[in-house]
N, C-alpha and C. Protein backbone atom coordinates (compact mmCIF):
# COMPACT_ATOMS: atom_id res chain seq x y z
N MET A 1 50.71 83.25 -128.13
CA MET A 1 50.73 81.50 -127.91
C MET A 1 49.68 81.40 -127.89
N PRO A 2 49.26 80.31 -128.57
CA PRO A 2 48.52 79.40 -128.84
C PRO A 2 48.20 78.73 -127.16
N ASN A 3 46.62 78.36 -127.10
CA ASN A 3 46.16 77.63 -125.90
C ASN A 3 46.68 76.55 -125.82
N ILE A 4 46.50 75.72 -125.17
CA ILE A 4 46.56 73.69 -124.77
C ILE A 4 45.91 73.53 -125.07
N GLN A 5 45.45 72.07 -125.97
CA GLN A 5 43.26 71.58 -125.98
C GLN A 5 44.05 70.38 -125.98
N PHE A 6 43.45 70.01 -124.29
CA PHE A 6 43.41 68.47 -124.34
C PHE A 6 42.24 67.63 -124.24
N ASN A 7 42.88 66.50 -125.42
CA ASN A 7 41.52 65.78 -126.02
C ASN A 7 41.70 64.50 -125.54
N TYR A 8 40.08 63.81 -124.83
CA TYR A 8 40.35 62.63 -124.31
C TYR A 8 38.46 61.67 -124.43
N ARG A 9 38.12 60.75 -123.75
CA ARG A 9 36.89 60.62 -124.49
C ARG A 9 36.84 59.45 -123.34
N TYR A 10 36.21 58.81 -123.78
CA TYR A 10 34.93 57.98 -122.24
C TYR A 10 34.44 56.80 -123.60
N ARG A 11 34.76 56.06 -123.06
CA ARG A 11 34.38 54.25 -123.52
C ARG A 11 33.29 53.24 -123.03
N ASP A 12 32.01 52.99 -122.98
CA ASP A 12 31.42 52.26 -122.30
C ASP A 12 31.63 50.34 -122.29
N GLY A 13 31.50 49.99 -121.71
CA GLY A 13 31.42 48.65 -122.48
C GLY A 13 31.41 48.55 -123.61
N ALA A 14 30.63 48.90 -124.49
CA ALA A 14 29.78 48.15 -125.74
C ALA A 14 30.11 48.93 -126.30
N ASN A 15 31.25 49.77 -126.74
CA ASN A 15 32.25 50.60 -126.63
C ASN A 15 31.99 51.41 -127.80
N TYR A 16 30.64 52.58 -127.37
CA TYR A 16 30.48 53.92 -127.20
C TYR A 16 31.25 54.58 -126.94
N LYS A 17 31.02 55.32 -127.65
CA LYS A 17 31.90 56.78 -127.44
C LYS A 17 31.17 58.07 -127.10
N LYS A 18 32.14 58.58 -125.98
CA LYS A 18 31.72 60.40 -126.15
C LYS A 18 32.80 60.71 -126.04
N HIS A 19 33.28 61.47 -126.38
CA HIS A 19 34.29 62.56 -126.75
C HIS A 19 34.77 64.55 -126.29
N ASP A 20 35.37 64.52 -126.23
CA ASP A 20 35.43 66.36 -124.93
C ASP A 20 37.04 66.66 -125.33
N PHE A 21 36.79 67.77 -125.06
CA PHE A 21 38.08 68.60 -124.68
C PHE A 21 38.08 69.37 -123.33
N VAL A 22 39.76 69.94 -123.08
CA VAL A 22 39.18 70.61 -122.31
C VAL A 22 40.49 72.06 -122.55
N ILE A 23 40.28 72.97 -122.93
CA ILE A 23 41.19 74.28 -122.88
C ILE A 23 41.85 74.94 -122.15
N PHE A 24 42.90 74.78 -122.13
CA PHE A 24 44.04 75.58 -120.58
C PHE A 24 44.89 76.26 -121.22
N LYS A 25 44.48 77.81 -120.67
CA LYS A 25 45.41 79.03 -120.83
C LYS A 25 47.39 78.51 -121.31
N ASN A 26 47.60 78.50 -122.50
CA ASN A 26 48.80 77.50 -122.14
C ASN A 26 49.89 78.75 -121.52
N ASP A 27 50.52 78.42 -121.12
CA ASP A 27 51.90 78.61 -120.45
C ASP A 27 53.18 78.61 -121.23
N PRO A 28 53.59 79.38 -122.16
CA PRO A 28 54.60 79.34 -123.05
C PRO A 28 56.59 78.29 -122.27
N SER A 29 56.36 78.47 -121.33
CA SER A 29 57.65 77.36 -120.61
C SER A 29 57.41 76.16 -120.94
N ILE A 30 56.23 75.46 -121.13
CA ILE A 30 55.92 73.86 -121.61
C ILE A 30 55.66 74.66 -123.04
N SER A 31 57.01 73.08 -123.37
CA SER A 31 55.84 72.81 -124.85
C SER A 31 55.32 71.78 -124.70
N ILE A 32 55.21 71.61 -125.52
CA ILE A 32 53.39 70.56 -125.75
C ILE A 32 54.04 68.81 -125.64
N GLU A 33 55.98 68.81 -126.03
CA GLU A 33 56.28 67.33 -126.43
C GLU A 33 56.31 67.30 -124.58
N GLU A 34 56.37 68.05 -124.01
CA GLU A 34 57.08 67.56 -122.56
C GLU A 34 55.42 67.61 -121.36
N LEU A 35 54.50 68.03 -122.44
CA LEU A 35 53.17 67.99 -121.49
C LEU A 35 52.90 66.52 -122.27
N GLU A 36 52.84 66.09 -123.24
CA GLU A 36 52.03 65.27 -123.31
C GLU A 36 53.25 63.60 -123.34
N SER A 37 54.49 64.48 -122.69
CA SER A 37 55.33 63.10 -122.00
C SER A 37 54.62 63.29 -120.23
N LEU A 38 53.99 64.07 -119.59
CA LEU A 38 54.31 64.16 -118.33
C LEU A 38 52.38 63.13 -118.47
N ILE A 39 52.13 63.26 -119.29
CA ILE A 39 50.65 63.47 -119.71
C ILE A 39 50.29 61.55 -119.25
N LYS A 40 51.29 60.98 -120.81
CA LYS A 40 51.66 59.36 -120.84
C LYS A 40 52.11 59.03 -119.66
N SER A 41 53.30 59.52 -118.69
CA SER A 41 53.71 58.75 -117.65
C SER A 41 52.62 59.10 -116.50
N LYS A 42 51.59 59.18 -116.44
CA LYS A 42 50.54 59.37 -115.65
C LYS A 42 49.24 58.71 -115.31
N LEU A 43 48.90 57.69 -117.34
CA LEU A 43 48.43 57.17 -117.79
C LEU A 43 48.51 55.98 -117.22
N ILE A 44 46.73 55.41 -116.62
CA ILE A 44 47.62 54.01 -116.77
C ILE A 44 47.45 53.07 -117.58
N ASP A 45 47.92 51.94 -117.73
CA ASP A 45 48.50 51.46 -118.44
C ASP A 45 48.80 51.89 -119.72
N GLU A 46 48.92 52.92 -119.90
CA GLU A 46 49.36 53.74 -120.42
C GLU A 46 48.33 54.43 -121.75
N THR A 47 47.61 54.68 -121.22
CA THR A 47 46.26 55.15 -121.67
C THR A 47 45.33 55.59 -121.71
N TRP A 48 44.75 55.32 -120.00
CA TRP A 48 43.49 55.50 -119.29
C TRP A 48 43.98 56.11 -117.69
N PHE A 49 43.29 57.40 -117.22
CA PHE A 49 42.88 58.33 -116.39
C PHE A 49 41.98 58.50 -115.91
N TYR A 50 41.57 58.84 -114.57
CA TYR A 50 40.41 58.77 -113.86
C TYR A 50 40.01 60.54 -113.56
N ALA A 51 39.11 60.94 -115.24
CA ALA A 51 38.44 62.32 -114.85
C ALA A 51 38.70 62.73 -114.05
N TYR A 52 37.69 63.03 -112.77
CA TYR A 52 37.75 63.53 -111.22
C TYR A 52 38.81 63.31 -110.91
N GLU A 53 40.27 62.63 -110.52
CA GLU A 53 41.53 62.67 -109.96
C GLU A 53 41.80 63.74 -110.46
N TRP A 54 41.88 64.53 -111.89
CA TRP A 54 42.43 65.22 -112.44
C TRP A 54 41.67 66.65 -113.42
N LYS A 55 40.95 66.34 -111.83
CA LYS A 55 39.86 67.49 -112.49
C LYS A 55 38.94 68.10 -113.03
N LEU A 56 38.77 66.95 -114.57
CA LEU A 56 38.21 67.02 -115.33
C LEU A 56 36.42 66.85 -116.10
N PRO A 57 36.03 67.34 -116.80
CA PRO A 57 34.62 66.85 -116.50
C PRO A 57 34.42 65.58 -117.20
N GLU A 58 33.34 64.17 -116.30
CA GLU A 58 33.45 63.42 -116.81
C GLU A 58 32.43 62.76 -117.81
N LEU A 59 32.13 61.71 -119.04
CA LEU A 59 31.70 62.08 -120.04
C LEU A 59 30.91 61.14 -119.88
N PHE A 60 30.05 60.23 -119.07
CA PHE A 60 29.88 58.70 -118.48
C PHE A 60 28.32 59.50 -120.05
N LEU A 61 28.02 57.94 -120.41
CA LEU A 61 27.37 57.91 -121.12
C LEU A 61 25.70 58.31 -120.50
N SER A 62 25.19 58.24 -121.12
CA SER A 62 23.43 58.75 -120.08
C SER A 62 22.79 56.91 -119.33
N THR A 63 23.13 56.19 -120.31
CA THR A 63 23.20 54.54 -120.19
C THR A 63 24.25 53.95 -118.94
N CYS A 64 25.15 54.70 -118.57
CA CYS A 64 26.19 54.25 -118.17
C CYS A 64 25.89 53.31 -116.90
N ASP A 65 25.74 52.32 -117.20
CA ASP A 65 25.89 51.15 -115.44
C ASP A 65 27.38 51.15 -115.39
N PHE A 66 27.69 51.12 -113.63
CA PHE A 66 28.91 51.31 -113.26
C PHE A 66 28.84 49.33 -112.94
N ARG A 67 28.55 48.82 -113.21
CA ARG A 67 28.54 47.14 -112.61
C ARG A 67 29.05 46.85 -114.19
N ILE A 68 29.27 47.48 -115.30
CA ILE A 68 29.35 46.52 -116.28
C ILE A 68 30.23 47.69 -117.39
N ASP A 69 30.35 48.95 -116.73
CA ASP A 69 30.80 49.83 -117.68
C ASP A 69 32.25 50.47 -116.53
N PRO A 70 33.42 50.98 -117.68
CA PRO A 70 34.65 51.37 -116.96
C PRO A 70 34.19 52.75 -116.39
N THR A 71 34.73 52.84 -114.99
CA THR A 71 34.96 54.47 -114.67
C THR A 71 36.01 55.44 -114.91
N TRP A 72 36.45 55.02 -116.54
CA TRP A 72 37.50 55.12 -116.41
C TRP A 72 38.14 56.19 -118.02
N HIS A 73 38.82 56.85 -117.97
CA HIS A 73 38.07 57.92 -119.36
C HIS A 73 40.05 57.26 -119.97
N GLU A 74 40.28 58.11 -121.41
CA GLU A 74 41.20 57.27 -122.19
C GLU A 74 41.83 58.99 -122.60
N PHE A 75 43.35 59.27 -122.67
CA PHE A 75 43.74 60.18 -123.10
C PHE A 75 43.70 59.69 -124.40
N GLU A 76 43.59 61.26 -125.51
CA GLU A 76 44.29 61.00 -126.95
C GLU A 76 44.79 61.79 -127.62
N SER A 77 45.07 63.09 -127.03
CA SER A 77 46.28 63.84 -127.05
C SER A 77 46.13 65.04 -126.62
N VAL A 78 47.11 66.02 -126.70
CA VAL A 78 47.04 67.17 -126.94
C VAL A 78 47.80 68.14 -128.13
N GLU A 79 46.91 69.38 -127.67
CA GLU A 79 47.41 70.04 -129.06
C GLU A 79 46.96 71.70 -128.88
N TYR A 80 47.93 72.03 -129.72
CA TYR A 80 47.03 73.57 -129.60
C TYR A 80 46.46 74.19 -130.46
N THR A 81 45.80 75.28 -129.54
CA THR A 81 44.32 76.05 -129.99
C THR A 81 44.83 77.47 -130.33
N ASP A 82 43.62 78.36 -131.23
CA ASP A 82 43.59 79.68 -130.98
C ASP A 82 42.28 79.70 -129.71
N GLU A 83 41.71 78.81 -129.63
CA GLU A 83 40.40 78.85 -128.83
C GLU A 83 40.88 79.28 -127.69
N SER A 84 39.44 80.07 -127.06
CA SER A 84 39.82 80.19 -125.62
C SER A 84 39.89 79.33 -124.16
N PRO A 85 40.01 79.97 -123.78
CA PRO A 85 40.33 78.33 -122.40
C PRO A 85 38.47 78.47 -121.59
N ASN A 86 38.80 77.02 -121.99
CA ASN A 86 38.02 77.08 -121.50
C ASN A 86 37.39 76.34 -119.40
N SER A 87 38.63 75.83 -119.20
CA SER A 87 38.90 75.18 -117.57
C SER A 87 38.65 76.01 -116.73
N PRO A 88 38.43 75.94 -115.70
CA PRO A 88 38.21 76.57 -114.22
C PRO A 88 39.93 76.97 -113.97
N PHE A 89 41.01 75.94 -113.86
CA PHE A 89 41.76 76.42 -113.49
C PHE A 89 43.07 76.58 -114.81
N ASP A 90 44.35 76.67 -115.09
CA ASP A 90 45.18 77.31 -116.24
C ASP A 90 46.11 75.60 -115.99
N LEU A 91 46.77 75.33 -117.10
CA LEU A 91 47.80 74.90 -117.39
C LEU A 91 48.34 74.55 -116.15
N LYS A 92 49.24 75.33 -115.38
CA LYS A 92 50.50 74.67 -113.96
C LYS A 92 49.94 74.47 -113.56
N GLU A 93 48.61 74.42 -113.59
CA GLU A 93 47.84 74.68 -111.87
C GLU A 93 47.50 72.67 -112.08
N PHE A 94 47.36 72.22 -113.74
CA PHE A 94 46.68 70.97 -114.21
C PHE A 94 48.46 70.03 -113.94
N ILE A 95 49.20 70.85 -114.71
CA ILE A 95 50.58 69.92 -114.53
C ILE A 95 50.90 69.99 -113.35
N THR A 96 50.59 70.23 -112.35
CA THR A 96 51.20 70.31 -110.53
C THR A 96 49.75 69.28 -109.94
N LEU A 97 48.21 69.15 -110.68
CA LEU A 97 47.70 68.21 -109.72
C LEU A 97 48.06 66.12 -111.04
N LEU A 98 48.46 66.56 -111.79
CA LEU A 98 48.97 65.83 -113.10
C LEU A 98 49.89 65.25 -111.53
N THR A 99 51.76 66.37 -111.41
CA THR A 99 52.15 65.44 -110.50
C THR A 99 52.33 64.95 -109.01
N VAL A 100 50.75 64.99 -108.76
CA VAL A 100 50.63 64.61 -107.39
C VAL A 100 49.04 63.34 -107.62
N SER A 101 49.04 63.20 -108.92
CA SER A 101 47.69 62.03 -109.35
C SER A 101 48.22 60.37 -108.67
N ILE A 102 46.96 60.29 -108.38
CA ILE A 102 47.46 58.45 -107.43
C ILE A 102 47.08 58.09 -108.54
N SER A 103 46.89 58.92 -109.42
CA SER A 103 46.48 57.45 -111.09
C SER A 103 48.46 57.63 -111.60
N THR A 104 49.10 56.88 -111.73
CA THR A 104 50.44 56.51 -112.20
C THR A 104 50.56 55.46 -112.46
N ASN A 105 51.36 54.81 -113.20
CA ASN A 105 52.06 54.42 -114.13
C ASN A 105 53.20 54.31 -113.09
N ASN A 106 54.26 54.59 -112.44
CA ASN A 106 54.87 54.92 -111.42
C ASN A 106 54.76 54.20 -110.39
N PRO A 107 54.95 53.56 -109.68
CA PRO A 107 54.91 53.46 -108.02
C PRO A 107 55.81 54.75 -107.15
């Protein structure tokens, strides 16, 4: 079974972007559709999340000025990949993080 790649980006106040991804070891009992649905349910305004809350690397640009630039990141997609995992934790642990995440659309 292929692994899962979580794609996201940081966009500063001037619309400069930095893209990255994290690859999780897949748990075959979780479909990509279920995972994407869970992620989207935890996003702020259906788009953003705080990378530090989800224990993902922050992608801030070297010119980041938090007086004018946002501190959130933008979810792009999840997909299957044959690449090796690069996350220190697996997909089940990530899902647990999401289920207890502070940033959520649902009160």
